Amino acid sequence: MKQRTIALIAHDRKKADMVAFATKNKRKLEKFKLIGTGTTAKIVKEKTGLNVKAYHSGPYGGDVEIAALVVKGKCDVVIFLHDPLEPHPHDPDIKTLMRVCDVYNVPLATNLTTAEIILNSITK
C-alpha cells in the first residue's frame, strides 16, 4: 500500500496555528508523506522536525502545484488553514485548489477543527 500524502498550507496569520497543529499531531503526521507551500513547509519543518517537501510559496504558484498533485492522484488530503478575513492576490489559485479537491473528492480542511477530524479519521 502506498504512503498517503498530506498537503500542509497556511496563510501568514495562520502559520502559528499550523505549527501548533503539526506539533500536537507530530506522531500521526510522521506516518504520511508531507508536502506544503514554500513558507509553510519551511516553518513546519524548522519548528517540528517533520520532513515536509516544499513547493513554491502560494503567491508564486504553490497552490497550483498542489492542485496539480490532487488532479494526478498524488495528494490524498489537503489541510489549508486559510485566512478568510484578508484579501489574497492569488485568490484564483486558492479557489482552483479548493475546486479540484471537490472535483476529485479529496478531503480539504480549512480550519483546525476539520483538520483534527480528518487526521483522526485517517489514523485510526
PDB file of N, CA and C in Angstrom:
ATOM      1  N   MET A   1       0.850  -1.184   0.000  1.00  0.00           N
ATOM      2  CA  MET A   1       0.000   0.000   0.000  1.00  0.00           C
ATOM      3  C   MET A   1       0.894   1.244   0.000  1.00  0.00           C
ATOM      4  N   LYS A   2       0.576   2.189  -0.871  1.00  0.00           N
ATOM      5  CA  LYS A   2       1.403   3.396  -0.970  1.00  0.00           C
ATOM      6  C   LYS A   2       1.169   4.316   0.230  1.00  0.00           C
ATOM      7  N   GLN A   3       2.207   5.037   0.564  1.00  0.00           N
ATOM      8  CA  GLN A   3       2.101   6.009   1.649  1.00  0.00           C
ATOM      9  C   GLN A   3       1.252   7.183   1.179  1.00  0.00           C
ATOM     10  N   ARG A   4       0.276   7.552   1.984  1.00  0.00           N
ATOM     11  CA  ARG A   4      -0.587   8.678   1.616  1.00  0.00           C
ATOM     12  C   ARG A   4       0.132  10.005   1.838  1.00  0.00           C
ATOM     13  N   THR A   5      -0.300  11.000   1.078  1.00  0.00           N
ATOM     14  CA  THR A   5       0.315  12.324   1.111  1.00  0.00           C
ATOM     15  C   THR A   5      -0.668  13.344   1.651  1.00  0.00           C
ATOM     16  N   ILE A   6      -0.179  14.165   2.578  1.00  0.00           N
ATOM     17  CA  ILE A   6      -0.959  15.266   3.141  1.00  0.00           C
ATOM     18  C   ILE A   6      -0.263  16.573   2.795  1.00  0.00           C
ATOM     19  N   ALA A   7      -1.029  17.518   2.260  1.00  0.00           N
ATOM     20  CA  ALA A   7      -0.513  18.861   1.984  1.00  0.00           C
ATOM     21  C   ALA A   7      -0.832  19.768   3.165  1.00  0.00           C
ATOM     22  N   LEU A   8       0.162  20.520   3.603  1.00  0.00           N
ATOM     23  CA  LEU A   8       0.012  21.490   4.688  1.00  0.00           C
ATOM     24  C   LEU A   8       0.225  22.886   4.112  1.00  0.00           C
ATOM     25  N   ILE A   9      -0.806  23.714   4.210  1.00  0.00           N
ATOM     26  CA  ILE A   9      -0.757  25.074   3.665  1.00  0.00           C
ATOM     27  C   ILE A   9      -1.382  26.000   4.694  1.00  0.00           C
ATOM     28  N   ALA A  10      -0.775  27.158   4.906  1.00  0.00           N
ATOM     29  CA  ALA A  10      -1.352  28.127   5.845  1.00  0.00           C
ATOM     30  C   ALA A  10      -1.005  29.541   5.406  1.00  0.00           C
ATOM     31  N   HIS A  11      -1.998  30.390   5.422  1.00  0.00           N
ATOM     32  CA  HIS A  11      -1.745  31.807   5.168  1.00  0.00           C
ATOM     33  C   HIS A  11      -0.957  32.396   6.332  1.00  0.00           C
ATOM     34  N   ASP A  12      -0.374  33.562   6.117  1.00  0.00           N
ATOM     35  CA  ASP A  12       0.548  34.146   7.091  1.00  0.00           C
ATOM     36  C   ASP A  12      -0.012  34.201   8.507  1.00  0.00           C
ATOM     37  N   ARG A  13      -1.232  34.673   8.658  1.00  0.00           N
ATOM     38  CA  ARG A  13      -1.800  34.801  10.005  1.00  0.00           C
ATOM     39  C   ARG A  13      -2.250  33.466  10.585  1.00  0.00           C
ATOM     40  N   LYS A  14      -2.107  32.390   9.827  1.00  0.00           N
ATOM     41  CA  LYS A  14      -2.494  31.054  10.287  1.00  0.00           C
ATOM     42  C   LYS A  14      -1.295  30.116  10.444  1.00  0.00           C
ATOM     43  N   LYS A  15      -0.109  30.617  10.156  1.00  0.00           N
ATOM     44  CA  LYS A  15       1.070  29.755  10.226  1.00  0.00           C
ATOM     45  C   LYS A  15       1.341  29.261  11.651  1.00  0.00           C
ATOM     46  N   ALA A  16       1.147  30.100  12.641  1.00  0.00           N
ATOM     47  CA  ALA A  16       1.338  29.663  14.032  1.00  0.00           C
ATOM     48  C   ALA A  16       0.347  28.560  14.384  1.00  0.00           C
ATOM     49  N   ASP A  17      -0.881  28.671  13.885  1.00  0.00           N
ATOM     50  CA  ASP A  17      -1.871  27.612  14.106  1.00  0.00           C
ATOM     51  C   ASP A  17      -1.422  26.305  13.455  1.00  0.00           C
ATOM     52  N   MET A  18      -0.848  26.393  12.261  1.00  0.00           N
ATOM     53  CA  MET A  18      -0.374  25.188  11.578  1.00  0.00           C
ATOM     54  C   MET A  18       0.766  24.543  12.348  1.00  0.00           C
ATOM     55  N   VAL A  19       1.683  25.360  12.861  1.00  0.00           N
ATOM     56  CA  VAL A  19       2.788  24.816  13.655  1.00  0.00           C
ATOM     57  C   VAL A  19       2.244  24.140  14.911  1.00  0.00           C
ATOM     58  N   ALA A  20       1.286  24.758  15.570  1.00  0.00           N
ATOM     59  CA  ALA A  20       0.684  24.156  16.765  1.00  0.00           C
ATOM     60  C   ALA A  20      -0.003  22.838  16.418  1.00  0.00           C
ATOM     61  N   PHE A  21      -0.734  22.807  15.310  1.00  0.00           N
ATOM     62  CA  PHE A  21      -1.406  21.586  14.856  1.00  0.00           C
ATOM     63  C   PHE A  21      -0.380  20.491  14.572  1.00  0.00           C
ATOM     64  N   ALA A  22       0.676  20.834  13.842  1.00  0.00           N
ATOM     65  CA  ALA A  22       1.697  19.851  13.482  1.00  0.00           C
ATOM     66  C   ALA A  22       2.457  19.361  14.709  1.00  0.00           C
ATOM     67  N   THR A  23       2.717  20.244  15.645  1.00  0.00           N
ATOM     68  CA  THR A  23       3.401  19.854  16.881  1.00  0.00           C
ATOM     69  C   THR A  23       2.535  18.892  17.684  1.00  0.00           C
ATOM     70  N   LYS A  24       1.288  19.241  17.856  1.00  0.00           N
ATOM     71  CA  LYS A  24       0.347  18.405  18.613  1.00  0.00           C
ATOM     72  C   LYS A  24       0.171  17.031  17.968  1.00  0.00           C
ATOM     73  N   ASN A  25       0.195  16.987  16.651  1.00  0.00           N
ATOM     74  CA  ASN A  25      -0.097  15.755  15.914  1.00  0.00           C
ATOM     75  C   ASN A  25       1.134  15.149  15.240  1.00  0.00           C
ATOM     76  N   LYS A  26       2.307  15.469  15.758  1.00  0.00           N
ATOM     77  CA  LYS A  26       3.549  15.035  15.116  1.00  0.00           C
ATOM     78  C   LYS A  26       3.596  13.525  14.904  1.00  0.00           C
ATOM     79  N   ARG A  27       3.252  12.754  15.909  1.00  0.00           N
ATOM     80  CA  ARG A  27       3.310  11.288  15.800  1.00  0.00           C
ATOM     81  C   ARG A  27       2.402  10.768  14.686  1.00  0.00           C
ATOM     82  N   LYS A  28       1.244  11.368  14.547  1.00  0.00           N
ATOM     83  CA  LYS A  28       0.322  10.955  13.482  1.00  0.00           C
ATOM     84  C   LYS A  28       0.846  11.386  12.118  1.00  0.00           C
ATOM     85  N   LEU A  29       1.328  12.612  12.025  1.00  0.00           N
ATOM     86  CA  LEU A  29       1.781  13.151  10.743  1.00  0.00           C
ATOM     87  C   LEU A  29       3.029  12.444  10.221  1.00  0.00           C
ATOM     88  N   GLU A  30       3.853  11.910  11.124  1.00  0.00           N
ATOM     89  CA  GLU A  30       5.074  11.208  10.715  1.00  0.00           C
ATOM     90  C   GLU A  30       4.775   9.995   9.835  1.00  0.00           C
ATOM     91  N   LYS A  31       3.566   9.497   9.887  1.00  0.00           N
ATOM     92  CA  LYS A  31       3.185   8.306   9.121  1.00  0.00           C
ATOM     93  C   LYS A  31       2.891   8.620   7.654  1.00  0.00           C
ATOM     94  N   PHE A  32       2.864   9.904   7.304  1.00  0.00           N
ATOM     95  CA  PHE A  32       2.475  10.330   5.969  1.00  0.00           C
ATOM     96  C   PHE A  32       3.620  11.029   5.257  1.00  0.00           C
ATOM     97  N   LYS A  33       3.528  11.061   3.941  1.00  0.00           N
ATOM     98  CA  LYS A  33       4.403  11.931   3.161  1.00  0.00           C
ATOM     99  C   LYS A  33       3.790  13.318   3.276  1.00  0.00           C
ATOM    100  N   LEU A  34       4.577  14.288   3.692  1.00  0.00           N
ATOM    101  CA  LEU A  34       4.082  15.648   3.887  1.00  0.00           C
ATOM    102  C   LEU A  34       4.653  16.573   2.825  1.00  0.00           C
ATOM    103  N   ILE A  35       3.772  17.405   2.285  1.00  0.00           N
ATOM    104  CA  ILE A  35       4.171  18.421   1.322  1.00  0.00           C
ATOM    105  C   ILE A  35       3.533  19.735   1.753  1.00  0.00           C
ATOM    106  N   GLY A  36       4.007  20.826   1.212  1.00  0.00           N
ATOM    107  CA  GLY A  36       3.403  22.108   1.561  1.00  0.00           C
ATOM    108  C   GLY A  36       3.902  23.219   0.665  1.00  0.00           C
ATOM    109  N   THR A  37       3.230  24.341   0.752  1.00  0.00           N
ATOM    110  CA  THR A  37       3.709  25.513   0.037  1.00  0.00           C
ATOM    111  C   THR A  37       4.948  26.030   0.760  1.00  0.00           C
ATOM    112  N   GLY A  38       5.766  26.777   0.050  1.00  0.00           N
ATOM    113  CA  GLY A  38       7.103  27.158   0.480  1.00  0.00           C
ATOM    114  C   GLY A  38       7.315  27.539   1.922  1.00  0.00           C
ATOM    115  N   THR A  39       6.744  28.642   2.333  1.00  0.00           N
ATOM    116  CA  THR A  39       6.999  29.152   3.678  1.00  0.00           C
ATOM    117  C   THR A  39       6.386  28.258   4.742  1.00  0.00           C
ATOM    118  N   THR A  40       5.194  27.760   4.502  1.00  0.00           N
ATOM    119  CA  THR A  40       4.552  26.874   5.477  1.00  0.00           C
ATOM    120  C   THR A  40       5.395  25.623   5.683  1.00  0.00           C
ATOM    121  N   ALA A  41       5.828  25.008   4.596  1.00  0.00           N
ATOM    122  CA  ALA A  41       6.644  23.797   4.701  1.00  0.00           C
ATOM    123  C   ALA A  41       7.924  24.075   5.483  1.00  0.00           C
ATOM    124  N   LYS A  42       8.565  25.185   5.183  1.00  0.00           N
ATOM    125  CA  LYS A  42       9.824  25.540   5.853  1.00  0.00           C
ATOM    126  C   LYS A  42       9.610  25.741   7.350  1.00  0.00           C
ATOM    127  N   ILE A  43       8.580  26.477   7.718  1.00  0.00           N
ATOM    128  CA  ILE A  43       8.326  26.761   9.131  1.00  0.00           C
ATOM    129  C   ILE A  43       7.955  25.489   9.887  1.00  0.00           C
ATOM    130  N   VAL A  44       7.079  24.676   9.312  1.00  0.00           N
ATOM    131  CA  VAL A  44       6.682  23.432   9.985  1.00  0.00           C
ATOM    132  C   VAL A  44       7.897  22.529  10.169  1.00  0.00           C
ATOM    133  N   LYS A  45       8.720  22.423   9.149  1.00  0.00           N
ATOM    134  CA  LYS A  45       9.929  21.593   9.234  1.00  0.00           C
ATOM    135  C   LYS A  45      10.870  22.107  10.323  1.00  0.00           C
ATOM    136  N   GLU A  46      11.107  23.419  10.341  1.00  0.00           N
ATOM    137  CA  GLU A  46      12.010  24.011  11.334  1.00  0.00           C
ATOM    138  C   GLU A  46      11.492  23.857  12.759  1.00  0.00           C
ATOM    139  N   LYS A  47      10.207  24.070  12.956  1.00  0.00           N
ATOM    140  CA  LYS A  47       9.643  24.094  14.309  1.00  0.00           C
ATOM    141  C   LYS A  47       9.323  22.711  14.861  1.00  0.00           C
ATOM    142  N   THR A  48       9.067  21.723  13.973  1.00  0.00           N
ATOM    143  CA  THR A  48       8.633  20.409  14.455  1.00  0.00           C
ATOM    144  C   THR A  48       9.604  19.288  14.138  1.00  0.00           C
ATOM    145  N   GLY A  49      10.478  19.510  13.170  1.00  0.00           N
ATOM    146  CA  GLY A  49      11.368  18.443  12.729  1.00  0.00           C
ATOM    147  C   GLY A  49      10.722  17.481  11.746  1.00  0.00           C
ATOM    148  N   LEU A  50       9.463  17.712  11.405  1.00  0.00           N
ATOM    149  CA  LEU A  50       8.794  16.870  10.415  1.00  0.00           C
ATOM    150  C   LEU A  50       9.407  17.112   9.037  1.00  0.00           C
ATOM    151  N   ASN A  51       9.475  16.065   8.240  1.00  0.00           N
ATOM    152  CA  ASN A  51      10.004  16.190   6.887  1.00  0.00           C
ATOM    153  C   ASN A  51       8.873  16.634   5.963  1.00  0.00           C
ATOM    154  N   VAL A  52       8.914  17.877   5.521  1.00  0.00           N
ATOM    155  CA  VAL A  52       7.872  18.443   4.664  1.00  0.00           C
ATOM    156  C   VAL A  52       8.527  18.921   3.371  1.00  0.00           C
ATOM    157  N   LYS A  53       8.116  18.328   2.253  1.00  0.00           N
ATOM    158  CA  LYS A  53       8.652  18.755   0.955  1.00  0.00           C
ATOM    159  C   LYS A  53       8.010  20.081   0.578  1.00  0.00           C
ATOM    160  N   ALA A  54       8.842  21.062   0.280  1.00  0.00           N
ATOM    161  CA  ALA A  54       8.349  22.406  -0.034  1.00  0.00           C
ATOM    162  C   ALA A  54       8.190  22.601  -1.538  1.00  0.00           C
ATOM    163  N   TYR A  55       7.035  23.109  -1.905  1.00  0.00           N
ATOM    164  CA  TYR A  55       6.789  23.588  -3.259  1.00  0.00           C
ATOM    165  C   TYR A  55       6.925  25.108  -3.213  1.00  0.00           C
ATOM    166  N   HIS A  56       6.567  25.803  -4.268  1.00  0.00           N
ATOM    167  CA  HIS A  56       6.648  27.262  -4.269  1.00  0.00           C
ATOM    168  C   HIS A  56       5.687  27.846  -3.232  1.00  0.00           C
ATOM    169  N   SER A  57       5.949  29.062  -2.813  1.00  0.00           N
ATOM    170  CA  SER A  57       5.008  29.777  -1.947  1.00  0.00           C
ATOM    171  C   SER A  57       3.713  29.994  -2.718  1.00  0.00           C
ATOM    172  N   GLY A  58       2.610  30.120  -1.983  1.00  0.00           N
ATOM    173  CA  GLY A  58       1.294  30.273  -2.607  1.00  0.00           C
ATOM    174  C   GLY A  58       1.222  31.338  -3.683  1.00  0.00           C
ATOM    175  N   PRO A  59       1.651  32.572  -3.391  1.00  0.00           N
ATOM    176  CA  PRO A  59       1.558  33.630  -4.397  1.00  0.00           C
ATOM    177  C   PRO A  59       2.431  33.389  -5.634  1.00  0.00           C
ATOM    178  N   TYR A  60       3.368  32.455  -5.539  1.00  0.00           N
ATOM    179  CA  TYR A  60       4.264  32.149  -6.655  1.00  0.00           C
ATOM    180  C   TYR A  60       3.935  30.815  -7.321  1.00  0.00           C
ATOM    181  N   GLY A  61       2.709  30.326  -7.100  1.00  0.00           N
ATOM    182  CA  GLY A  61       2.256  29.129  -7.798  1.00  0.00           C
ATOM    183  C   GLY A  61       2.174  27.864  -6.972  1.00  0.00           C
ATOM    184  N   GLY A  62       2.506  27.941  -5.702  1.00  0.00           N
ATOM    185  CA  GLY A  62       2.492  26.740  -4.864  1.00  0.00           C
ATOM    186  C   GLY A  62       1.121  26.095  -4.723  1.00  0.00           C
ATOM    187  N   ASP A  63       0.085  26.921  -4.603  1.00  0.00           N
ATOM    188  CA  ASP A  63      -1.269  26.363  -4.501  1.00  0.00           C
ATOM    189  C   ASP A  63      -1.632  25.607  -5.776  1.00  0.00           C
ATOM    190  N   VAL A  64      -1.203  26.131  -6.917  1.00  0.00           N
ATOM    191  CA  VAL A  64      -1.480  25.488  -8.203  1.00  0.00           C
ATOM    192  C   VAL A  64      -0.684  24.189  -8.330  1.00  0.00           C
ATOM    193  N   GLU A  65       0.556  24.196  -7.854  1.00  0.00           N
ATOM    194  CA  GLU A  65       1.352  22.966  -7.887  1.00  0.00           C
ATOM    195  C   GLU A  65       0.670  21.863  -7.081  1.00  0.00           C
ATOM    196  N   ILE A  66       0.170  22.212  -5.918  1.00  0.00           N
ATOM    197  CA  ILE A  66      -0.504  21.212  -5.089  1.00  0.00           C
ATOM    198  C   ILE A  66      -1.828  20.803  -5.725  1.00  0.00           C
ATOM    199  N   ALA A  67      -2.529  21.742  -6.340  1.00  0.00           N
ATOM    200  CA  ALA A  67      -3.757  21.398  -7.068  1.00  0.00           C
ATOM    201  C   ALA A  67      -3.450  20.374  -8.160  1.00  0.00           C
ATOM    202  N   ALA A  68      -2.340  20.545  -8.861  1.00  0.00           N
ATOM    203  CA  ALA A  68      -1.960  19.592  -9.913  1.00  0.00           C
ATOM    204  C   ALA A  68      -1.712  18.204  -9.329  1.00  0.00           C
ATOM    205  N   LEU A  69      -1.121  18.143  -8.146  1.00  0.00           N
ATOM    206  CA  LEU A  69      -0.903  16.849  -7.492  1.00  0.00           C
ATOM    207  C   LEU A  69      -2.226  16.193  -7.121  1.00  0.00           C
ATOM    208  N   VAL A  70      -3.188  16.994  -6.686  1.00  0.00           N
ATOM    209  CA  VAL A  70      -4.524  16.466  -6.392  1.00  0.00           C
ATOM    210  C   VAL A  70      -5.110  15.852  -7.662  1.00  0.00           C
ATOM    211  N   VAL A  71      -5.026  16.571  -8.766  1.00  0.00           N
ATOM    212  CA  VAL A  71      -5.567  16.091 -10.047  1.00  0.00           C
ATOM    213  C   VAL A  71      -4.898  14.779 -10.465  1.00  0.00           C
ATOM    214  N   LYS A  72      -3.592  14.668 -10.237  1.00  0.00           N
ATOM    215  CA  LYS A  72      -2.838  13.473 -10.627  1.00  0.00           C
ATOM    216  C   LYS A  72      -2.998  12.316  -9.641  1.00  0.00           C
ATOM    217  N   GLY A  73      -3.755  12.526  -8.558  1.00  0.00           N
ATOM    218  CA  GLY A  73      -3.927  11.471  -7.560  1.00  0.00           C
ATOM    219  C   GLY A  73      -2.726  11.304  -6.649  1.00  0.00           C
ATOM    220  N   LYS A  74      -1.883  12.342  -6.555  1.00  0.00           N
ATOM    221  CA  LYS A  74      -0.664  12.264  -5.751  1.00  0.00           C
ATOM    222  C   LYS A  74      -0.750  13.039  -4.440  1.00  0.00           C
ATOM    223  N   CYS A  75      -1.926  13.523  -4.105  1.00  0.00           N
ATOM    224  CA  CYS A  75      -2.154  14.207  -2.828  1.00  0.00           C
ATOM    225  C   CYS A  75      -3.503  13.732  -2.313  1.00  0.00           C
ATOM    226  N   ASP A  76      -3.511  13.166  -1.115  1.00  0.00           N
ATOM    227  CA  ASP A  76      -4.694  12.497  -0.584  1.00  0.00           C
ATOM    228  C   ASP A  76      -5.520  13.339   0.374  1.00  0.00           C
ATOM    229  N   VAL A  77      -4.898  14.311   1.009  1.00  0.00           N
ATOM    230  CA  VAL A  77      -5.573  15.194   1.968  1.00  0.00           C
ATOM    231  C   VAL A  77      -4.925  16.569   1.865  1.00  0.00           C
ATOM    232  N   VAL A  78      -5.737  17.614   1.947  1.00  0.00           N
ATOM    233  CA  VAL A  78      -5.212  18.978   1.971  1.00  0.00           C
ATOM    234  C   VAL A  78      -5.683  19.647   3.254  1.00  0.00           C
ATOM    235  N   ILE A  79      -4.724  20.119   4.032  1.00  0.00           N
ATOM    236  CA  ILE A  79      -5.027  20.921   5.216  1.00  0.00           C
ATOM    237  C   ILE A  79      -4.565  22.334   4.882  1.00  0.00           C
ATOM    238  N   PHE A  80      -5.531  23.199   4.642  1.00  0.00           N
ATOM    239  CA  PHE A  80      -5.261  24.554   4.165  1.00  0.00           C
ATOM    240  C   PHE A  80      -5.899  25.532   5.141  1.00  0.00           C
ATOM    241  N   LEU A  81      -5.104  26.009   6.078  1.00  0.00           N
ATOM    242  CA  LEU A  81      -5.603  26.987   7.046  1.00  0.00           C
ATOM    243  C   LEU A  81      -5.538  28.357   6.384  1.00  0.00           C
ATOM    244  N   HIS A  82      -6.619  28.708   5.746  1.00  0.00           N
ATOM    245  CA  HIS A  82      -6.634  29.979   5.020  1.00  0.00           C
ATOM    246  C   HIS A  82      -7.240  31.075   5.894  1.00  0.00           C
ATOM    247  N   ASP A  83      -6.867  32.279   5.581  1.00  0.00           N
ATOM    248  CA  ASP A  83      -7.338  33.444   6.335  1.00  0.00           C
ATOM    249  C   ASP A  83      -8.484  34.082   5.569  1.00  0.00           C
ATOM    250  N   PRO A  84      -9.723  33.853   6.017  1.00  0.00           N
ATOM    251  CA  PRO A  84     -10.873  34.379   5.285  1.00  0.00           C
ATOM    252  C   PRO A  84     -11.082  35.878   5.475  1.00  0.00           C
ATOM    253  N   LEU A  85     -10.318  36.492   6.370  1.00  0.00           N
ATOM    254  CA  LEU A  85     -10.507  37.910   6.671  1.00  0.00           C
ATOM    255  C   LEU A  85      -9.523  38.820   5.945  1.00  0.00           C
ATOM    256  N   GLU A  86      -8.626  38.235   5.170  1.00  0.00           N
ATOM    257  CA  GLU A  86      -7.630  39.016   4.436  1.00  0.00           C
ATOM    258  C   GLU A  86      -7.761  38.746   2.944  1.00  0.00           C
ATOM    259  N   PRO A  87      -7.620  39.778   2.112  1.00  0.00           N
ATOM    260  CA  PRO A  87      -7.603  39.542   0.663  1.00  0.00           C
ATOM    261  C   PRO A  87      -6.263  38.916   0.258  1.00  0.00           C
ATOM    262  N   HIS A  88      -6.287  38.112  -0.788  1.00  0.00           N
ATOM    263  CA  HIS A  88      -5.075  37.445  -1.257  1.00  0.00           C
ATOM    264  C   HIS A  88      -4.956  37.657  -2.765  1.00  0.00           C
ATOM    265  N   PRO A  89      -3.808  38.162  -3.222  1.00  0.00           N
ATOM    266  CA  PRO A  89      -3.657  38.435  -4.654  1.00  0.00           C
ATOM    267  C   PRO A  89      -3.752  37.175  -5.509  1.00  0.00           C
ATOM    268  N   HIS A  90      -3.477  36.032  -4.917  1.00  0.00           N
ATOM    269  CA  HIS A  90      -3.533  34.771  -5.664  1.00  0.00           C
ATOM    270  C   HIS A  90      -4.829  34.004  -5.365  1.00  0.00           C
ATOM    271  N   ASP A  91      -5.891  34.744  -5.071  1.00  0.00           N
ATOM    272  CA  ASP A  91      -7.176  34.124  -4.747  1.00  0.00           C
ATOM    273  C   ASP A  91      -7.664  33.145  -5.823  1.00  0.00           C
ATOM    274  N   PRO A  92      -7.478  33.434  -7.115  1.00  0.00           N
ATOM    275  CA  PRO A  92      -7.897  32.437  -8.116  1.00  0.00           C
ATOM    276  C   PRO A  92      -7.182  31.089  -7.947  1.00  0.00           C
ATOM    277  N   ASP A  93      -5.910  31.127  -7.535  1.00  0.00           N
ATOM    278  CA  ASP A  93      -5.173  29.881  -7.306  1.00  0.00           C
ATOM    279  C   ASP A  93      -5.753  29.115  -6.118  1.00  0.00           C
ATOM    280  N   ILE A  94      -6.113  29.852  -5.079  1.00  0.00           N
ATOM    281  CA  ILE A  94      -6.712  29.241  -3.889  1.00  0.00           C
ATOM    282  C   ILE A  94      -8.026  28.563  -4.266  1.00  0.00           C
ATOM    283  N   LYS A  95      -8.836  29.269  -5.022  1.00  0.00           N
ATOM    284  CA  LYS A  95     -10.124  28.708  -5.460  1.00  0.00           C
ATOM    285  C   LYS A  95      -9.917  27.480  -6.349  1.00  0.00           C
ATOM    286  N   THR A  96      -8.884  27.504  -7.172  1.00  0.00           N
ATOM    287  CA  THR A  96      -8.576  26.342  -8.007  1.00  0.00           C
ATOM    288  C   THR A  96      -8.266  25.128  -7.144  1.00  0.00           C
ATOM    289  N   LEU A  97      -7.434  25.309  -6.142  1.00  0.00           N
ATOM    290  CA  LEU A  97      -7.094  24.198  -5.254  1.00  0.00           C
ATOM    291  C   LEU A  97      -8.338  23.661  -4.558  1.00  0.00           C
ATOM    292  N   MET A  98      -9.147  24.543  -4.032  1.00  0.00           N
ATOM    293  CA  MET A  98     -10.364  24.107  -3.347  1.00  0.00           C
ATOM    294  C   MET A  98     -11.313  23.394  -4.315  1.00  0.00           C
ATOM    295  N   ARG A  99     -11.402  23.921  -5.523  1.00  0.00           N
ATOM    296  CA  ARG A  99     -12.290  23.319  -6.522  1.00  0.00           C
ATOM    297  C   ARG A  99     -11.837  21.911  -6.893  1.00  0.00           C
ATOM    298  N   VAL A 100     -10.540  21.724  -7.150  1.00  0.00           N
ATOM    299  CA  VAL A 100     -10.092  20.387  -7.541  1.00  0.00           C
ATOM    300  C   VAL A 100     -10.222  19.391  -6.395  1.00  0.00           C
ATOM    301  N   CYS A 101     -10.103  19.852  -5.165  1.00  0.00           N
ATOM    302  CA  CYS A 101     -10.364  18.955  -4.028  1.00  0.00           C
ATOM    303  C   CYS A 101     -11.805  18.460  -4.080  1.00  0.00           C
ATOM    304  N   ASP A 102     -12.732  19.347  -4.397  1.00  0.00           N
ATOM    305  CA  ASP A 102     -14.134  18.943  -4.531  1.00  0.00           C
ATOM    306  C   ASP A 102     -14.337  18.024  -5.734  1.00  0.00           C
ATOM    307  N   VAL A 103     -13.755  18.377  -6.871  1.00  0.00           N
ATOM    308  CA  VAL A 103     -13.925  17.586  -8.093  1.00  0.00           C
ATOM    309  C   VAL A 103     -13.385  16.169  -7.910  1.00  0.00           C
ATOM    310  N   TYR A 104     -12.223  16.041  -7.267  1.00  0.00           N
ATOM    311  CA  TYR A 104     -11.566  14.744  -7.118  1.00  0.00           C
ATOM    312  C   TYR A 104     -11.830  14.088  -5.762  1.00  0.00           C
ATOM    313  N   ASN A 105     -12.764  14.658  -4.995  1.00  0.00           N
ATOM    314  CA  ASN A 105     -13.198  14.074  -3.730  1.00  0.00           C
ATOM    315  C   ASN A 105     -12.031  13.870  -2.756  1.00  0.00           C
ATOM    316  N   VAL A 106     -11.177  14.880  -2.665  1.00  0.00           N
ATOM    317  CA  VAL A 106     -10.042  14.860  -1.745  1.00  0.00           C
ATOM    318  C   VAL A 106     -10.421  15.670  -0.512  1.00  0.00           C
ATOM    319  N   PRO A 107     -10.288  15.079   0.679  1.00  0.00           N
ATOM    320  CA  PRO A 107     -10.636  15.820   1.892  1.00  0.00           C
ATOM    321  C   PRO A 107      -9.840  17.119   2.003  1.00  0.00           C
ATOM    322  N   LEU A 108     -10.551  18.195   2.334  1.00  0.00           N
ATOM    323  CA  LEU A 108      -9.959  19.528   2.459  1.00  0.00           C
ATOM    324  C   LEU A 108     -10.390  20.140   3.781  1.00  0.00           C
ATOM    325  N   ALA A 109      -9.423  20.419   4.639  1.00  0.00           N
ATOM    326  CA  ALA A 109      -9.703  21.101   5.904  1.00  0.00           C
ATOM    327  C   ALA A 109      -9.268  22.547   5.774  1.00  0.00           C
ATOM    328  N   THR A 110     -10.161  23.468   6.109  1.00  0.00           N
ATOM    329  CA  THR A 110      -9.808  24.885   6.053  1.00  0.00           C
ATOM    330  C   THR A 110      -9.785  25.514   7.439  1.00  0.00           C
ATOM    331  N   ASN A 111      -9.953  24.691   8.465  1.00  0.00           N
ATOM    332  CA  ASN A 111      -9.858  25.180   9.842  1.00  0.00           C
ATOM    333  C   ASN A 111      -9.337  24.044  10.719  1.00  0.00           C
ATOM    334  N   LEU A 112      -8.914  24.384  11.925  1.00  0.00           N
ATOM    335  CA  LEU A 112      -8.276  23.398  12.803  1.00  0.00           C
ATOM    336  C   LEU A 112      -9.201  22.261  13.213  1.00  0.00           C
ATOM    337  N   THR A 113     -10.461  22.560  13.473  1.00  0.00           N
ATOM    338  CA  THR A 113     -11.382  21.507  13.895  1.00  0.00           C
ATOM    339  C   THR A 113     -11.528  20.455  12.803  1.00  0.00           C
ATOM    340  N   THR A 114     -11.718  20.901  11.578  1.00  0.00           N
ATOM    341  CA  THR A 114     -11.843  19.958  10.467  1.00  0.00           C
ATOM    342  C   THR A 114     -10.535  19.205  10.242  1.00  0.00           C
ATOM    343  N   ALA A 115      -9.409  19.882  10.387  1.00  0.00           N
ATOM    344  CA  ALA A 115      -8.109  19.224  10.238  1.00  0.00           C
ATOM    345  C   ALA A 115      -7.958  18.095  11.254  1.00  0.00           C
ATOM    346  N   GLU A 116      -8.332  18.352  12.494  1.00  0.00           N
ATOM    347  CA  GLU A 116      -8.259  17.322  13.546  1.00  0.00           C
ATOM    348  C   GLU A 116      -9.163  16.141  13.211  1.00  0.00           C
ATOM    349  N   ILE A 117     -10.381  16.426  12.776  1.00  0.00           N
ATOM    350  CA  ILE A 117     -11.336  15.361  12.448  1.00  0.00           C
ATOM    351  C   ILE A 117     -10.796  14.492  11.312  1.00  0.00           C
ATOM    352  N   ILE A 118     -10.292  15.121  10.261  1.00  0.00           N
ATOM    353  CA  ILE A 118      -9.762  14.360   9.124  1.00  0.00           C
ATOM    354  C   ILE A 118      -8.558  13.532   9.555  1.00  0.00           C
ATOM    355  N   LEU A 119      -7.609  14.144  10.246  1.00  0.00           N
ATOM    356  CA  LEU A 119      -6.406  13.417  10.653  1.00  0.00           C
ATOM    357  C   LEU A 119      -6.760  12.254  11.573  1.00  0.00           C
ATOM    358  N   ASN A 120      -7.656  12.480  12.515  1.00  0.00           N
ATOM    359  CA  ASN A 120      -8.064  11.395  13.413  1.00  0.00           C
ATOM    360  C   ASN A 120      -8.739  10.266  12.645  1.00  0.00           C
ATOM    361  N   SER A 121      -9.507  10.600  11.631  1.00  0.00           N
ATOM    362  CA  SER A 121     -10.222   9.559  10.881  1.00  0.00           C
ATOM    363  C   SER A 121      -9.292   8.717  10.012  1.00  0.00           C
ATOM    364  N   ILE A 122      -8.183   9.277   9.566  1.00  0.00           N
ATOM    365  CA  ILE A 122      -7.279   8.507   8.701  1.00  0.00           C
ATOM    366  C   ILE A 122      -6.133   7.856   9.468  1.00  0.00           C
ATOM    367  N   THR A 123      -6.082   8.054  10.771  1.00  0.00           N
ATOM    368  CA  THR A 123      -5.008   7.441  11.567  1.00  0.00           C
ATOM    369  C   THR A 123      -5.537   6.428  12.573  1.00  0.00           C
ATOM    370  N   LYS A 124      -6.784   6.059  12.464  1.00  0.00           N
ATOM    371  CA  LYS A 124      -7.346   5.059  13.390  1.00  0.00           C
ATOM    372  C   LYS A 124      -6.843   3.685  13.065  1.00  0.00           C
TER     373      LYS A 124
END
